[in-house]
Protein backbone atom coordinates (compact mmCIF):
# COMPACT_ATOMS: atom_id res chain seq x y z
CA UNK A 1 33.01 -15.10 52.11
CA UNK A 2 33.41 -12.85 49.09
CA UNK A 3 30.92 -10.15 48.00
CA UNK A 4 28.79 -12.44 45.92
CA UNK A 5 28.57 -15.09 48.67
CA UNK A 6 27.72 -12.45 51.30
CA UNK A 7 24.95 -11.22 49.08
CA UNK A 8 23.59 -14.65 48.45
CA UNK A 9 23.62 -15.46 52.19
CA UNK A 10 22.22 -12.27 53.64
CA UNK A 11 20.24 -10.27 51.04
CA UNK A 12 16.66 -11.14 50.05
CA UNK A 13 16.83 -12.54 46.51
CA UNK A 14 14.58 -10.04 44.75
CA UNK A 15 17.19 -9.00 42.13
CA UNK A 16 18.61 -10.83 39.18
CA UNK A 17 22.13 -9.40 39.65
CA UNK A 18 24.65 -9.51 36.73
CA UNK A 19 27.78 -11.47 37.48
CA UNK A 20 30.01 -8.45 38.29
CA UNK A 21 30.99 -6.59 41.48
CA UNK A 22 31.64 -2.86 40.80
CA UNK A 23 34.05 -1.18 43.12
CA UNK A 24 34.54 2.31 41.85
CA UNK A 25 33.83 4.66 39.01
CA UNK A 26 34.41 8.14 37.68
CA UNK A 27 32.23 9.96 35.20
CA UNK A 28 30.91 7.38 32.77
CA UNK A 29 33.55 4.77 33.51
CA UNK A 30 33.20 1.88 35.95
CA UNK A 31 35.65 -0.68 37.27
CA UNK A 32 35.07 -4.09 38.82
CA UNK A 33 36.97 -5.85 41.51
CA UNK A 34 39.39 -7.28 38.94
CA UNK A 35 40.19 -3.76 37.64
CA UNK A 36 38.28 -4.26 34.35
CA UNK A 37 36.90 -1.00 32.86
CA UNK A 38 33.38 -0.57 31.66
CA UNK A 39 31.62 2.31 29.87
CA UNK A 40 28.40 3.07 31.67
CA UNK A 41 25.30 3.59 29.51
CA UNK A 42 22.90 2.89 32.42
CA UNK A 43 23.77 5.61 34.93
CA UNK A 44 22.36 3.56 37.85
CA UNK A 45 18.96 3.44 35.93
CA UNK A 46 18.96 7.14 35.07
CA UNK A 47 20.17 8.22 38.59
CA UNK A 48 23.76 9.38 38.03
CA UNK A 49 22.76 12.41 35.92
CA UNK A 50 26.20 13.87 35.82
CA UNK A 51 28.09 10.59 36.07
CA UNK A 52 29.88 9.07 39.06
CA UNK A 53 31.84 11.14 41.53
CA UNK A 54 31.18 14.45 39.80
CA UNK A 55 33.59 16.90 41.51
CA UNK A 56 31.07 19.81 42.08
CA UNK A 57 28.41 17.39 43.29
CA UNK A 58 30.82 15.61 45.59
CA UNK A 59 31.99 18.95 47.13
CA UNK A 60 28.36 20.07 47.68
CA UNK A 61 27.23 16.87 49.42
CA UNK A 62 30.45 16.54 51.46
CA UNK A 63 30.25 20.07 52.71
CA UNK A 64 26.56 19.62 53.70
CA UNK A 65 27.19 16.24 55.33
CA UNK A 66 29.90 17.81 57.48
CA UNK A 67 27.58 20.77 58.38
CA UNK A 68 24.14 19.24 58.94
CA UNK A 69 23.25 15.72 57.65
CA UNK A 70 19.70 15.45 59.04
CA UNK A 71 17.41 17.38 61.36
CA UNK A 72 13.87 16.34 60.23
CA UNK A 73 11.02 18.36 58.80
CA UNK A 74 10.16 19.84 62.17
CA UNK A 75 12.66 22.56 61.34
CA UNK A 76 13.73 24.67 58.39
CA UNK A 77 16.87 23.98 56.41
CA UNK A 78 18.49 26.07 53.74
CA UNK A 79 19.10 23.43 51.09
CA UNK A 80 15.53 22.26 51.22
CA UNK A 81 14.09 25.75 50.81
CA UNK A 82 16.57 26.66 48.08
CA UNK A 83 15.88 23.54 46.07
CA UNK A 84 12.07 24.11 46.36
CA UNK A 85 12.60 27.65 45.03
CA UNK A 86 14.80 26.47 42.13
CA UNK A 87 12.30 23.73 41.09
CA UNK A 88 9.37 26.14 41.10
CA UNK A 89 11.29 28.86 39.30
CA UNK A 90 12.45 26.53 36.62
CA UNK A 91 9.01 24.86 36.08
CA UNK A 92 6.40 27.43 36.92
CA UNK A 93 4.95 25.08 39.51
CA UNK A 94 3.94 26.71 42.84
CA UNK A 95 4.84 24.30 45.63
CA UNK A 96 6.71 21.11 46.12
CA UNK A 97 6.73 18.16 48.60
CA UNK A 98 9.91 16.21 49.18
CA UNK A 99 10.11 12.42 49.72
CA UNK A 100 12.74 9.74 49.13
CA UNK A 101 11.86 7.95 45.89
CA UNK A 102 9.70 7.84 42.77
CA UNK A 103 7.21 5.45 44.35
CA UNK A 104 6.81 7.69 47.30
CA UNK A 105 6.38 10.76 45.03
CA UNK A 106 3.66 8.89 43.12
CA UNK A 107 1.94 7.80 46.33
CA UNK A 108 1.93 11.53 47.32
CA UNK A 109 0.43 12.55 44.00
CA UNK A 110 -2.35 9.90 44.36
CA UNK A 111 -3.15 11.14 47.85
CA UNK A 112 -3.17 14.79 46.70
CA UNK A 113 -5.41 14.04 43.69
CA UNK A 114 -7.96 12.23 45.88
CA UNK A 115 -7.86 14.98 48.44
CA UNK A 116 -8.51 17.62 45.79
CA UNK A 117 -11.51 15.68 44.53
CA UNK A 118 -12.75 15.00 48.10
CA UNK A 119 -12.48 18.61 49.08
CA UNK A 120 -14.63 19.73 46.05
CA UNK A 121 -16.94 16.80 45.49
CA UNK A 122 -16.97 14.56 48.53
CA UNK A 123 -16.29 10.79 48.26
CA UNK A 124 -17.75 10.39 44.81
CA UNK A 125 -14.65 11.07 42.61
CA UNK A 126 -11.74 8.88 43.65
CA UNK A 127 -10.71 6.93 40.60
CA UNK A 128 -7.27 7.41 39.13
CA UNK A 129 -6.97 6.52 35.42
CA UNK A 130 -3.60 5.22 34.20
CA UNK A 131 -2.42 3.64 30.94
CA UNK A 132 -1.81 0.04 29.94
CA UNK A 133 1.92 -0.73 30.01
CA UNK A 134 2.63 1.97 32.62
CA UNK A 135 4.80 1.64 35.65
CA UNK A 136 4.40 3.91 38.72
CA UNK A 137 6.24 2.08 41.56
CA UNK A 138 6.41 -0.95 43.80
CA UNK A 139 4.43 0.09 46.83
CA UNK A 140 0.95 -1.46 47.15
CA UNK A 141 -0.82 1.70 45.75
CA UNK A 142 1.61 2.41 43.01
CA UNK A 143 1.51 -1.25 41.95
CA UNK A 144 -2.26 -0.85 41.76
CA UNK A 145 -1.75 2.27 39.61
CA UNK A 146 0.59 0.40 37.32
CA UNK A 147 -1.20 -0.74 34.15
CA UNK A 148 0.49 -4.15 33.82
CA UNK A 149 -1.29 -7.39 34.87
CA UNK A 150 2.05 -9.00 35.69
CA UNK A 151 2.42 -6.65 38.67
CA UNK A 152 -1.05 -7.44 40.02
CA UNK A 153 -0.26 -10.76 41.54
CA UNK A 154 0.98 -12.15 44.88
CA UNK A 155 0.24 -9.07 47.05
CA UNK A 156 -3.46 -8.64 46.90
CA UNK A 157 -5.94 -7.36 47.79
CA UNK A 158 -4.77 -4.23 45.97
CA UNK A 159 -6.30 -0.86 46.75
CA UNK A 160 -9.41 -0.01 44.66
CA UNK A 161 -9.96 3.09 42.67
CA UNK A 162 -7.73 2.59 39.62
CA UNK A 163 -8.75 2.10 36.00
CA UNK A 164 -6.67 1.40 33.01
CA UNK A 165 -6.93 2.37 29.34
CA UNK A 166 -4.81 1.76 26.27
CA UNK A 167 -2.13 4.39 25.54
CA UNK A 168 -2.81 6.69 22.59
CA UNK A 169 -6.48 5.69 22.46
CA UNK A 170 -8.45 8.90 23.03
CA UNK A 171 -11.92 7.36 22.66
CA UNK A 172 -11.04 4.81 25.38
CA UNK A 173 -9.83 7.53 27.69
CA UNK A 174 -12.97 9.62 27.11
CA UNK A 175 -15.18 6.61 27.65
CA UNK A 176 -13.45 5.90 31.01
CA UNK A 177 -13.70 9.48 32.12
CA UNK A 178 -17.41 9.37 31.36
CA UNK A 179 -17.97 5.96 32.89
CA UNK A 180 -17.09 6.76 36.45
CA UNK A 181 -16.35 9.97 38.41
CA UNK A 182 -12.59 10.36 38.29
CA UNK A 183 -10.10 12.36 40.42
CA UNK A 184 -7.10 12.25 38.02
CA UNK A 185 -5.41 10.86 34.99
CA UNK A 186 -1.83 9.82 35.75
CA UNK A 187 0.60 9.20 32.80
CA UNK A 188 4.27 8.69 31.99
CA UNK A 189 4.97 10.59 28.76
CA UNK A 190 7.58 7.94 27.98
CA UNK A 191 6.69 4.55 29.32
CA UNK A 192 10.14 3.61 30.66
CA UNK A 193 9.77 0.18 32.22
CA UNK A 194 7.10 -0.49 29.59
CA UNK A 195 9.67 -0.43 26.78
CA UNK A 196 10.76 3.22 26.37
CA UNK A 197 7.72 4.12 24.34
CA UNK A 198 6.84 7.82 23.92
CA UNK A 199 3.19 8.84 23.88
CA UNK A 200 1.80 10.59 20.86
CA UNK A 201 1.90 14.41 21.53
CA UNK A 202 -1.55 15.05 20.01
CA UNK A 203 -3.03 12.35 22.29
CA UNK A 204 -1.39 13.87 25.35
CA UNK A 205 -2.75 17.35 24.58
CA UNK A 206 -6.21 15.93 23.91
CA UNK A 207 -6.19 14.13 27.21
CA UNK A 208 -5.20 17.36 28.96
CA UNK A 209 -8.22 19.10 27.31
CA UNK A 210 -10.55 16.30 28.29
CA UNK A 211 -9.37 16.56 31.92
CA UNK A 212 -9.96 20.32 31.95
CA UNK A 213 -13.57 19.82 30.78
CA UNK A 214 -14.24 17.63 33.75
CA UNK A 215 -12.04 19.19 36.48
CA UNK A 216 -10.03 16.00 36.51
CA UNK A 217 -6.42 16.54 37.59
CA UNK A 218 -3.61 15.73 35.11
CA UNK A 219 -0.71 13.98 36.90
CA UNK A 220 2.54 13.46 35.00
CA UNK A 221 5.02 10.86 36.27
CA UNK A 222 8.45 12.17 35.44
CA UNK A 223 10.34 9.85 37.76
CA UNK A 224 12.60 8.62 34.94
CA UNK A 225 11.99 11.27 32.25
CA UNK A 226 12.79 14.27 34.49
CA UNK A 227 15.83 16.34 35.15
CA UNK A 228 17.15 16.75 31.63
CA UNK A 229 16.82 13.12 30.57
CA UNK A 230 14.69 13.84 27.48
CA UNK A 231 16.52 16.89 26.28
CA UNK A 232 14.31 19.42 28.19
CA UNK A 233 14.22 19.88 31.92
CA UNK A 234 10.96 17.86 32.11
CA UNK A 235 9.32 15.90 29.33
CA UNK A 236 5.92 17.65 29.76
CA UNK A 237 7.64 20.80 28.50
CA UNK A 238 8.36 19.06 25.17
CA UNK A 239 4.65 18.15 24.88
CA UNK A 240 3.47 21.69 25.58
CA UNK A 241 1.09 20.75 28.40
CA UNK A 242 0.52 22.19 31.89
CA UNK A 243 0.10 19.42 34.44
CA UNK A 244 -1.57 19.93 37.84
CA UNK A 245 0.88 17.65 39.54
CA UNK A 246 4.34 16.42 38.44
CA UNK A 247 6.33 13.75 40.20
CA UNK A 248 10.09 13.14 39.77
CA UNK A 249 12.99 11.43 41.48
CA UNK A 250 15.84 9.26 40.08
CA UNK A 251 18.39 11.71 38.66
CA UNK A 252 17.44 14.84 40.55
CA UNK A 253 19.99 14.44 43.36
CA UNK A 254 22.62 12.74 41.12
CA UNK A 255 22.92 9.51 43.15
CA UNK A 256 21.24 10.30 46.36
CA UNK A 257 17.55 9.37 47.24
CA UNK A 258 15.13 12.20 46.61
CA UNK A 259 11.64 12.22 45.29
CA UNK A 260 9.45 15.31 44.56
CA UNK A 261 5.82 16.07 44.08
CA UNK A 262 5.32 19.45 42.37
CA UNK A 263 1.97 21.26 42.47
CA UNK A 264 0.52 24.00 40.27
CA UNK A 265 -1.74 26.80 41.33
CA UNK A 266 -4.82 24.55 41.36
CA UNK A 267 -3.29 22.00 43.73
CA UNK A 268 -0.68 23.84 45.75
CA UNK A 269 -2.89 24.15 48.87
CA UNK A 270 -4.55 20.69 48.77
CA UNK A 271 -2.37 19.07 51.48
CA UNK A 272 -2.44 20.77 54.83
CA UNK A 273 -0.58 20.39 58.11
CA UNK A 274 -0.28 16.74 59.24
CA UNK A 275 -1.88 15.35 56.08
CA UNK A 276 1.31 14.09 54.53
CA UNK A 277 4.91 13.69 55.62
CA UNK A 278 8.28 11.96 55.17
CA UNK A 279 11.03 11.56 57.79
CA UNK A 280 13.91 11.74 55.36
CA UNK A 281 12.17 13.82 52.67
CA UNK A 282 14.02 17.01 51.95
CA UNK A 283 17.17 15.76 53.66
CA UNK A 284 19.76 18.49 53.59
CA UNK A 285 22.50 16.36 52.03
CA UNK A 286 20.20 15.06 49.30
CA UNK A 287 18.94 18.57 48.61
CA UNK A 288 22.53 19.87 48.39
CA UNK A 289 23.24 17.18 45.78
CA UNK A 290 20.11 18.11 43.87
CA UNK A 291 20.96 21.86 43.89
CA UNK A 292 24.33 21.02 42.41
CA UNK A 293 22.75 18.90 39.73
CA UNK A 294 19.76 21.09 38.85
CA UNK A 295 21.83 24.30 38.69
CA UNK A 296 23.84 22.79 35.87
CA UNK A 297 21.00 21.39 33.75
CA UNK A 298 21.04 24.45 31.51
CA UNK A 299 20.43 24.93 27.76
CA UNK A 300 24.02 24.07 26.85
CA UNK A 301 23.71 20.67 28.62
CA UNK A 302 20.20 20.05 27.18
CA UNK A 303 21.39 20.89 23.69
CA UNK A 304 24.24 18.42 24.17
CA UNK A 305 21.75 15.82 25.33
CA UNK A 306 19.72 16.27 22.13
CA UNK A 307 22.86 16.09 19.95
CA UNK A 308 23.98 12.86 21.65
CA UNK A 309 20.56 11.32 21.29
CA UNK A 310 20.54 12.16 17.55
CA UNK A 311 23.92 10.51 17.18
CA UNK A 312 22.80 7.33 18.98
CA UNK A 313 19.63 6.97 16.90
CA UNK A 314 21.46 7.62 13.64
CA UNK A 315 24.16 5.16 14.61
CA UNK A 316 21.78 2.37 15.58
CA UNK A 317 19.11 2.68 12.89
CA UNK A 318 19.77 0.20 10.12
CA UNK A 319 22.02 -2.01 12.23
CA UNK A 320 21.28 -5.68 11.61
CA UNK A 321 18.71 -7.06 14.10
CA UNK A 322 17.58 -3.58 15.12
CA UNK A 323 13.87 -3.13 14.28
CA UNK A 324 13.27 0.27 15.92
CA UNK A 325 14.92 2.91 18.13
CA UNK A 326 12.46 4.68 20.46
CA UNK A 327 12.37 7.22 23.29
CA UNK A 328 13.41 10.85 23.64
CA UNK A 329 16.74 12.42 24.55
CA UNK A 330 19.08 10.07 26.35
CA UNK A 331 16.22 7.67 27.28
CA UNK A 332 16.43 5.26 24.44
CA UNK A 333 14.92 1.86 23.72
CA UNK A 334 16.18 -0.58 21.08
CA UNK A 335 13.70 -3.03 19.70
CA UNK A 336 15.64 -5.99 18.40
CA UNK A 337 14.84 -9.51 17.26
CA UNK A 338 17.62 -10.76 19.58
CA UNK A 339 16.90 -11.44 23.28
CA UNK A 340 17.51 -8.20 25.11
CA UNK A 341 19.03 -10.00 28.11
CA UNK A 342 21.53 -11.66 25.79
CA UNK A 343 22.53 -8.34 24.30
CA UNK A 344 23.03 -6.94 27.82
CA UNK A 345 25.07 -9.88 28.89
CA UNK A 346 27.35 -9.82 25.81
CA UNK A 347 27.86 -6.03 26.17
CA UNK A 348 28.86 -6.54 29.77
CA UNK A 349 31.48 -9.07 28.71
CA UNK A 350 32.89 -6.51 26.26
CA UNK A 351 32.92 -3.71 28.87
CA UNK A 352 29.65 -1.77 28.18
CA UNK A 353 26.81 -1.48 30.68
CA UNK A 354 23.35 -1.34 29.16
CA UNK A 355 19.90 -2.16 30.50
CA UNK A 356 16.61 -3.75 29.52
CA UNK A 357 13.03 -2.53 29.52
CA UNK A 358 10.53 -5.34 28.76
CA UNK A 359 11.90 -6.99 25.66
CA UNK A 360 14.04 -4.05 24.55
CA UNK A 361 17.58 -2.91 25.25
CA UNK A 362 17.57 0.44 27.19
CA UNK A 363 20.16 3.14 27.23
CA UNK A 364 20.24 5.82 29.97
CA UNK A 365 23.79 7.30 29.98
CA UNK A 366 24.87 10.20 32.06
CA UNK A 367 23.75 13.41 30.38
CA UNK A 368 27.36 14.60 30.25
CA UNK A 369 29.00 11.40 29.00
CA UNK A 370 31.95 12.46 26.83
CA UNK A 371 31.39 11.95 23.13
CA UNK A 372 34.45 9.76 22.69
CA UNK A 373 33.20 7.27 25.31
CA UNK A 374 29.72 7.32 23.88
CA UNK A 375 31.05 6.56 20.35
CA UNK A 376 33.22 3.73 21.75
CA UNK A 377 30.27 2.17 23.65
CA UNK A 378 27.79 2.47 20.73
CA UNK A 379 30.38 0.97 18.50
CA UNK A 380 30.54 -2.11 20.77
CA UNK A 381 26.81 -2.21 21.14
CA UNK A 382 26.36 -2.23 17.34
CA UNK A 383 28.79 -5.14 17.00
CA UNK A 384 26.86 -7.12 19.58
CA UNK A 385 23.48 -6.28 17.97
CA UNK A 386 24.69 -7.14 14.49
CA UNK A 387 26.38 -10.38 15.43
């Protein structure tokens, strides 16, 4: 059997795969089993931060894999400790916890927020407030945290203790915070799976202020927005806020599974020995990859991200059938009166990989995609959108 037949026979059918088998790639170029070339504007859904097979990243993970691939969190390892230091130094956060994925990071944040409230107030403040149209993961608790009814089917009963309010509606948020005792507000600053929609900065700062009045923790989900994606290291830095907990994953390790929960000075000591854990969290190879990536997300790269983002938006705005271009940095949503899935399929036929988010086309290219490739891909995308 060929690859597609093996997949159909032996892999649970939870994915709607495109009709292509990718076999190799380099940078922002992919090749399928026929040798056809594609320009990648998806980066593995914002994972391949510096593209495919980055030379420095490959050297770092290969060296670490040959030195010590895994030892568990019963012992210290240098890459884990060094990455924790780098993350805290770059963000001003005080402590980190390493897991494997964005969902796991968000689970950890939920646990920590409830532990903080329990330690100070007992069992009376457990509710986590999230936003309509949000997405926080596919575990049972993070599905419950996700503010989309479509995810609240099939797998019930879901954990209690979550409430949802409309995004950018401050009176609704205040009313919810006053209605029941709350442990935390959890938000994506750009709702990625919800259509690449950025929250209003004034609203976000006002929510932070309301949280401070009530000793409610502010948790920012940067699973997709983090690690340079928006043109700053983390999106919350653009908004000028100071979260109590930040989660991130996806692009941090440049293609390897790594999730992080970052804690500020209010929350750094909430979780004690034995109260949380992860067998593979902080794996030395993944941390070596993340050190390679994070050390190169500097102002030069971030400035380049902002420049490329401005180019994409300028190029696409005014294109026939394009109604709006949303997002920040190289996290871009395209609202079109065409079916997003049809646009994705036609782009794939023409050798460009793009994604969807709800009813929008989504672009998440590698942060260092060469400008000539970006222009070529955007040109093809414009033709598809305008046709």
